[in-house]
Structure formats: C-alpha cells, structure tokens
Amino acid sequence: MGSFSAAHWLVVLIVVFILLGKNRLSETMTDLGKGIRSFREGLTGEDVKPEPTSIATLPMDPRSADEQT
C-alpha cells in the first residue's frame, strides 16, 4: 500500500498530460533541457552545446549502398 505501481504512474502521467496539454508540456520539457544545460555549464565552466546532427553525418545503411550500384 505504501508504494506506487506502474499503473499508478501511468495514471499520473495521463492526468499531467491532460492538464498541461501538448504544447505546454513540450515547452516545459524544452525549458527543463535548457535548465539542465545551464546547470552543466555552471559546473564545468564551459559551454556545453549539443552537436548538430544532419542527414549527411548519419551513417549510411549498407543495404542502400548495394542497391545504388
């Protein structure tokens, strides 16, 4: 009776999602990410920036290379 099961946490997450909505939840997660990044910068004293990921830098699927030849 003292601990929460996975079903309890699922209900809590659904209620939070309904109350905050999609856009507000997205903004909250963005702000949380910025806060964590700022905290890391404060600890290390350096700028911590995520590496940009583009399609050109992603590894190519070997099956698609065989199909092109």
Protein backbone atom coordinates (compact mmCIF):
# COMPACT_ATOMS: atom_id res chain seq x y z
CA MET A 1 0.00 0.00 0.00
CA GLY A 2 2.93 2.34 0.54
CA SER A 3 4.45 2.18 -2.93
CA PHE A 4 3.20 3.14 -6.36
CA SER A 5 2.93 0.59 -9.13
CA ALA A 6 3.46 1.19 -12.84
CA ALA A 7 -0.31 1.60 -13.30
CA HIS A 8 -0.37 4.43 -10.75
CA TRP A 9 2.45 6.27 -12.52
CA LEU A 10 0.69 5.80 -15.87
CA VAL A 11 -2.48 7.41 -14.48
CA VAL A 12 -0.42 10.28 -13.05
CA LEU A 13 1.29 10.86 -16.40
CA ILE A 14 -2.02 10.83 -18.26
CA VAL A 15 -3.53 13.37 -15.84
CA VAL A 16 -0.47 15.63 -16.16
CA PHE A 17 -0.63 15.37 -19.95
CA ILE A 18 -4.34 16.27 -19.95
CA LEU A 19 -3.85 19.22 -17.59
CA LEU A 20 -0.83 20.70 -19.34
CA GLY A 21 -1.67 19.82 -22.92
CA LYS A 22 0.69 19.01 -25.77
CA ASN A 23 2.15 22.48 -26.36
CA ARG A 24 2.65 23.37 -22.75
CA LEU A 25 4.24 20.01 -21.97
CA SER A 26 6.61 20.49 -24.90
CA GLU A 27 7.57 23.96 -23.68
CA THR A 28 8.12 22.61 -20.17
CA MET A 29 10.45 19.88 -21.43
CA THR A 30 12.35 22.43 -23.54
CA ASP A 31 12.79 24.66 -20.52
CA LEU A 32 13.90 21.68 -18.44
CA GLY A 33 16.53 20.82 -21.05
CA LYS A 34 17.79 24.40 -21.08
CA GLY A 35 17.99 24.35 -17.28
CA ILE A 36 19.99 21.13 -17.25
CA ARG A 37 22.35 22.51 -19.91
CA SER A 38 22.80 25.70 -17.88
CA PHE A 39 23.49 23.65 -14.75
CA ARG A 40 26.16 21.63 -16.58
CA GLU A 41 27.77 24.82 -17.87
CA GLY A 42 27.85 26.16 -14.33
CA LEU A 43 29.56 23.02 -13.04
CA THR A 44 32.21 22.77 -15.73
CA GLY A 45 32.65 26.44 -16.56
CA GLU A 46 32.49 25.63 -20.27
CA ASP A 47 29.77 25.99 -22.86
CA VAL A 48 28.03 22.65 -23.34
CA LYS A 49 26.37 22.64 -26.73
CA PRO A 50 24.72 19.66 -28.37
CA GLU A 51 26.38 18.53 -31.55
CA PRO A 52 24.25 19.29 -34.58
CA THR A 53 23.02 16.22 -36.38
CA SER A 54 22.30 16.39 -40.05
CA ILE A 55 21.36 13.75 -42.54
CA ALA A 56 24.81 13.98 -44.14
CA THR A 57 26.54 12.93 -40.90
CA LEU A 58 24.35 9.93 -40.21
CA PRO A 59 25.86 6.55 -41.12
CA MET A 60 24.59 5.11 -44.36
CA ASP A 61 22.67 1.87 -44.37
CA PRO A 62 24.86 -0.73 -46.18
CA ARG A 63 21.83 -2.24 -47.89
CA SER A 64 21.00 1.05 -49.60
CA ALA A 65 24.61 1.37 -50.89
CA ASP A 66 24.34 -2.04 -52.59
CA GLU A 67 21.09 -1.07 -54.24
CA GLN A 68 22.60 2.09 -55.74
CA THR A 69 25.33 0.25 -57.68
